[in-house]
Amino acid sequence: MGMTVMTSRPLRLPCAALGLSLVFATLATPQPARASKTAKAPKISEYAPTLSTAQPTPVANGSIFQTSMGYAPLTSGARASSIGDLVTIVLVESTQAQKTNSASTDRSGSVSITPPTTGPLSFFKSTDASVGAGGTFSGKGAAQQSNQLSGAISVTIAQIYPNGTYLLRGEKHLTLNRGDEVIQISGLVRASDIDSFNSVPSTRIADAHITYTGKGEIARASTQGWLGRFFSRVSPF
């Protein structure tokens, strides 16, 4: 009686086909775009305008009252009183400082000895035994500084504090044909100091930070070169 021996081997061909199908399916699946490593989030200026987040509730408008034009109490009118409202700051900065200082001293002294005319010390002369000294000093210093800034800049109310003061903050960029100019301002102001035209002088602003800078060929021409600045720092004279 004959016996047939059958050896079972793993089927490798279907497994290989299955692996290839998974690879093709992975390649066909759209991959999410990778963020560039060099891409950076846009820098938000510290003096960027603060916008109001409150949205008006749509209601029916009347023949006189229009909701889209905003609502303000009759007692306050259109005076700025909410976060995001515009306030015009009138720049009226003018300061002057002067200081002078002077000092002078004078000091002198002399010592003389008259030698005897006889004895072992008679060979000394009176001119050989006299000593004199004197010193004078004179110093004077003066310093004077003044600045003036005028104009106007509109900013927004960034924050309202419990005591009723407003934090104003804003900036203005001017691009001219020979350079750029930037004006930045922030500070605290009382609500009562804002007039009916929503303007306030800069002298009424507490903790005021006013920056006026420029860049361009005009600013570079009025600035000392880097080598000159280096020698002015290290020079002992």
Protein backbone atom coordinates (compact mmCIF):
# COMPACT_ATOMS: atom_id res chain seq x y z
CA MET A 1 0.00 0.00 0.00
CA GLY A 2 1.62 3.21 -1.07
CA MET A 3 1.60 6.40 1.05
CA THR A 4 1.72 9.90 -0.32
CA VAL A 5 3.52 12.45 1.83
CA MET A 6 2.51 16.07 1.27
CA THR A 7 4.57 18.91 2.74
CA SER A 8 2.73 22.17 3.52
CA ARG A 9 4.72 25.36 2.78
CA PRO A 10 3.69 28.95 3.56
CA LEU A 11 2.28 30.80 0.65
CA ARG A 12 4.68 33.74 0.20
CA LEU A 13 3.22 35.11 -2.99
CA PRO A 14 -0.11 36.30 -1.51
CA CYS A 15 1.71 37.88 1.42
CA ALA A 16 4.05 39.78 -0.90
CA ALA A 17 1.12 40.97 -2.98
CA LEU A 18 -0.64 42.17 0.17
CA GLY A 19 2.44 44.11 1.27
CA LEU A 20 2.75 45.82 -2.11
CA SER A 21 -0.90 46.79 -2.04
CA LEU A 22 -0.45 48.42 1.39
CA VAL A 23 2.57 50.39 0.14
CA PHE A 24 0.69 51.68 -2.90
CA ALA A 25 -2.32 52.57 -0.74
CA THR A 26 -0.08 54.58 1.60
CA LEU A 27 1.54 56.43 -1.29
CA ALA A 28 -1.83 57.18 -2.84
CA THR A 29 -3.21 58.63 0.40
CA PRO A 30 -2.65 62.43 0.41
CA GLN A 31 -0.29 63.42 3.21
CA PRO A 32 -0.87 66.63 5.19
CA ALA A 33 1.41 69.48 4.22
CA ARG A 34 4.30 69.93 6.58
CA ALA A 35 4.88 73.31 8.06
CA SER A 36 8.07 74.96 6.94
CA LYS A 37 10.71 75.17 9.64
CA THR A 38 11.67 78.66 8.54
CA ALA A 39 8.10 80.00 8.61
CA LYS A 40 7.48 82.30 11.56
CA ALA A 41 4.30 83.72 12.94
CA PRO A 42 3.77 87.39 12.10
CA LYS A 43 4.96 89.67 14.85
CA ILE A 44 2.19 91.66 16.46
CA SER A 45 3.19 95.12 17.54
CA GLU A 46 2.79 96.03 21.19
CA TYR A 47 1.00 99.19 20.06
CA ALA A 48 -1.42 97.39 17.73
CA PRO A 49 -4.96 98.81 17.87
CA THR A 50 -7.39 97.16 20.29
CA LEU A 51 -10.69 96.32 18.66
CA SER A 52 -13.98 95.88 20.44
CA THR A 53 -15.22 92.29 20.61
CA ALA A 54 -18.86 93.18 21.33
CA GLN A 55 -21.12 92.73 18.33
CA PRO A 56 -24.35 94.71 18.00
CA THR A 57 -27.55 92.69 18.21
CA PRO A 58 -29.49 92.99 14.94
CA VAL A 59 -32.83 94.61 15.67
CA ALA A 60 -35.31 96.45 13.54
CA ASN A 61 -34.35 100.04 12.81
CA GLY A 62 -36.81 102.88 13.24
CA SER A 63 -37.32 105.96 11.17
CA ILE A 64 -35.02 108.04 13.40
CA PHE A 65 -33.03 105.63 15.55
CA GLN A 66 -30.56 103.50 13.54
CA THR A 67 -28.92 100.58 15.34
CA SER A 68 -26.11 100.34 12.78
CA MET A 69 -24.96 103.84 13.71
CA GLY A 70 -24.30 102.78 17.31
CA TYR A 71 -25.92 103.69 20.57
CA ALA A 72 -24.73 106.24 23.12
CA PRO A 73 -26.53 107.67 26.14
CA LEU A 74 -27.87 111.20 25.86
CA THR A 75 -25.75 112.34 28.82
CA SER A 76 -22.42 111.29 27.28
CA GLY A 77 -23.05 111.76 23.60
CA ALA A 78 -20.45 110.24 21.26
CA ARG A 79 -17.58 110.54 23.75
CA ALA A 80 -15.17 107.59 23.74
CA SER A 81 -15.91 105.30 26.67
CA SER A 82 -15.48 101.69 25.51
CA ILE A 83 -12.59 99.45 24.56
CA GLY A 84 -11.69 100.03 20.94
CA ASP A 85 -13.02 103.61 20.78
CA LEU A 86 -10.80 106.17 19.11
CA VAL A 87 -9.16 109.02 21.00
CA THR A 88 -7.01 111.74 19.42
CA ILE A 89 -3.91 112.72 21.39
CA VAL A 90 -2.67 116.24 20.74
CA LEU A 91 1.11 116.30 21.18
CA VAL A 92 2.15 119.47 22.99
CA GLU A 93 5.42 118.28 24.52
CA SER A 94 7.94 121.00 25.29
CA THR A 95 10.63 120.65 27.96
CA GLN A 96 13.81 122.53 28.73
CA ALA A 97 16.56 121.87 31.25
CA GLN A 98 19.66 123.89 32.09
CA LYS A 99 22.40 123.36 34.63
CA THR A 100 25.66 125.22 35.33
CA ASN A 101 28.44 124.57 37.80
CA SER A 102 31.74 126.30 38.50
CA ALA A 103 34.47 126.01 41.14
CA SER A 104 37.88 127.59 41.77
CA THR A 105 40.54 127.20 44.46
CA ASP A 106 43.81 128.96 45.23
CA ARG A 107 46.48 127.91 47.68
CA SER A 108 50.05 129.09 48.34
CA GLY A 109 52.70 128.76 51.04
CA SER A 110 56.38 129.50 51.68
CA VAL A 111 59.07 128.58 54.21
CA SER A 112 62.41 130.31 54.65
CA ILE A 113 65.31 129.89 57.09
CA THR A 114 67.91 132.53 57.80
CA PRO A 115 71.29 130.84 58.36
CA PRO A 116 73.66 132.25 60.95
CA THR A 117 76.40 134.58 59.77
CA THR A 118 79.08 132.90 61.90
CA GLY A 119 79.86 129.35 62.86
CA PRO A 120 79.99 126.12 60.83
CA LEU A 121 76.70 126.94 59.03
CA SER A 122 77.75 130.36 57.92
CA PHE A 123 78.47 129.09 54.38
CA PHE A 124 74.69 128.69 53.74
CA LYS A 125 72.98 131.49 51.95
CA SER A 126 69.49 132.65 52.78
CA THR A 127 68.36 131.82 49.23
CA ASP A 128 69.46 128.19 49.70
CA ALA A 129 67.21 127.66 52.72
CA SER A 130 63.86 128.95 51.39
CA VAL A 131 61.00 126.85 50.05
CA GLY A 132 57.78 127.99 48.46
CA ALA A 133 54.77 126.23 46.90
CA GLY A 134 51.48 127.23 45.38
CA GLY A 135 48.57 125.66 43.57
CA THR A 136 45.49 126.85 41.73
CA PHE A 137 42.45 125.06 40.34
CA SER A 138 39.60 126.30 38.21
CA GLY A 139 36.71 124.29 36.82
CA LYS A 140 33.49 125.10 35.02
CA GLY A 141 30.69 123.03 33.54
CA ALA A 142 27.40 123.71 31.81
CA ALA A 143 24.63 121.54 30.38
CA GLN A 144 21.50 122.48 28.48
CA GLN A 145 18.85 120.32 26.84
CA SER A 146 15.49 121.07 25.28
CA ASN A 147 12.97 119.23 23.12
CA GLN A 148 9.68 119.99 21.44
CA LEU A 149 7.10 117.72 19.83
CA SER A 150 3.84 118.85 18.30
CA GLY A 151 1.18 117.18 16.22
CA ALA A 152 -1.68 114.73 16.73
CA ILE A 153 -2.11 110.97 16.66
CA SER A 154 -5.29 108.90 17.01
CA VAL A 155 -5.13 105.83 19.27
CA THR A 156 -7.58 103.34 20.76
CA ILE A 157 -8.72 102.57 24.29
CA ALA A 158 -6.92 99.33 25.13
CA GLN A 159 -8.19 98.79 28.69
CA ILE A 160 -10.56 100.34 31.22
CA TYR A 161 -9.60 100.18 34.90
CA PRO A 162 -12.03 100.04 37.84
CA ASN A 163 -11.26 103.62 38.90
CA GLY A 164 -12.39 104.93 35.51
CA THR A 165 -9.00 105.60 33.90
CA TYR A 166 -8.30 104.49 30.33
CA LEU A 167 -5.18 102.90 28.90
CA LEU A 168 -4.53 104.54 25.54
CA ARG A 169 -2.20 102.88 23.07
CA GLY A 170 -1.44 103.31 19.37
CA GLU A 171 1.12 104.07 16.71
CA LYS A 172 1.49 105.78 13.36
CA HIS A 173 3.76 104.76 10.46
CA LEU A 174 4.79 107.31 7.86
CA THR A 175 6.60 106.18 4.71
CA LEU A 176 8.23 109.09 2.93
CA ASN A 177 10.36 109.17 -0.18
CA ARG A 178 13.58 109.33 1.88
CA GLY A 179 12.77 107.06 4.82
CA ASP A 180 10.22 105.87 7.32
CA GLU A 181 9.02 107.48 10.53
CA VAL A 182 7.23 105.77 13.42
CA ILE A 183 5.34 107.42 16.29
CA GLN A 184 4.30 105.23 19.23
CA ILE A 185 2.47 106.38 22.35
CA SER A 186 0.82 104.79 25.38
CA GLY A 187 -0.36 106.05 28.77
CA LEU A 188 -3.21 106.53 31.23
CA VAL A 189 -5.86 109.21 30.99
CA ARG A 190 -8.96 110.13 32.97
CA ALA A 191 -12.32 109.98 31.28
CA SER A 192 -13.09 113.56 32.34
CA ASP A 193 -9.98 114.83 30.46
CA ILE A 194 -11.38 113.69 27.11
CA ASP A 195 -13.33 116.53 25.54
CA SER A 196 -16.41 116.39 23.34
CA PHE A 197 -14.22 115.99 20.23
CA ASN A 198 -12.59 112.86 21.72
CA SER A 199 -9.22 114.55 21.99
CA VAL A 200 -6.87 114.96 24.93
CA PRO A 201 -3.53 116.82 25.23
CA SER A 202 -0.45 114.72 25.85
CA THR A 203 0.26 116.68 29.02
CA ARG A 204 -2.82 115.04 30.59
CA ILE A 205 -1.49 111.53 30.03
CA ALA A 206 0.06 109.77 33.03
CA ASP A 207 2.91 107.29 32.65
CA ALA A 208 3.27 108.45 29.05
CA HIS A 209 5.62 106.58 26.75
CA ILE A 210 6.18 108.55 23.55
CA THR A 211 8.59 107.25 20.91
CA TYR A 212 9.47 109.08 17.71
CA THR A 213 11.99 107.28 15.52
CA GLY A 214 12.97 107.15 11.89
CA LYS A 215 15.04 105.10 9.52
CA GLY A 216 16.38 105.66 6.04
CA GLU A 217 19.16 107.57 4.38
CA ILE A 218 18.40 110.78 6.28
CA ALA A 219 18.58 108.96 9.63
CA ARG A 220 21.78 107.18 8.59
CA ALA A 221 23.42 110.44 7.54
CA SER A 222 22.80 111.95 10.99
CA THR A 223 24.15 108.89 12.86
CA GLN A 224 27.81 108.31 13.73
CA GLY A 225 29.43 105.39 11.92
CA TRP A 226 30.08 102.07 13.65
CA LEU A 227 33.85 102.57 13.69
CA GLY A 228 33.50 106.04 15.18
CA ARG A 229 31.13 104.69 17.84
CA PHE A 230 33.64 101.96 18.67
CA PHE A 231 36.53 104.37 19.21
CA SER A 232 34.32 106.77 21.19
CA ARG A 233 33.53 103.91 23.62
CA VAL A 234 37.07 102.62 24.09
CA SER A 235 38.91 105.93 24.00
CA PRO A 236 40.12 106.99 27.48
CA PHE A 237 40.31 110.66 26.46
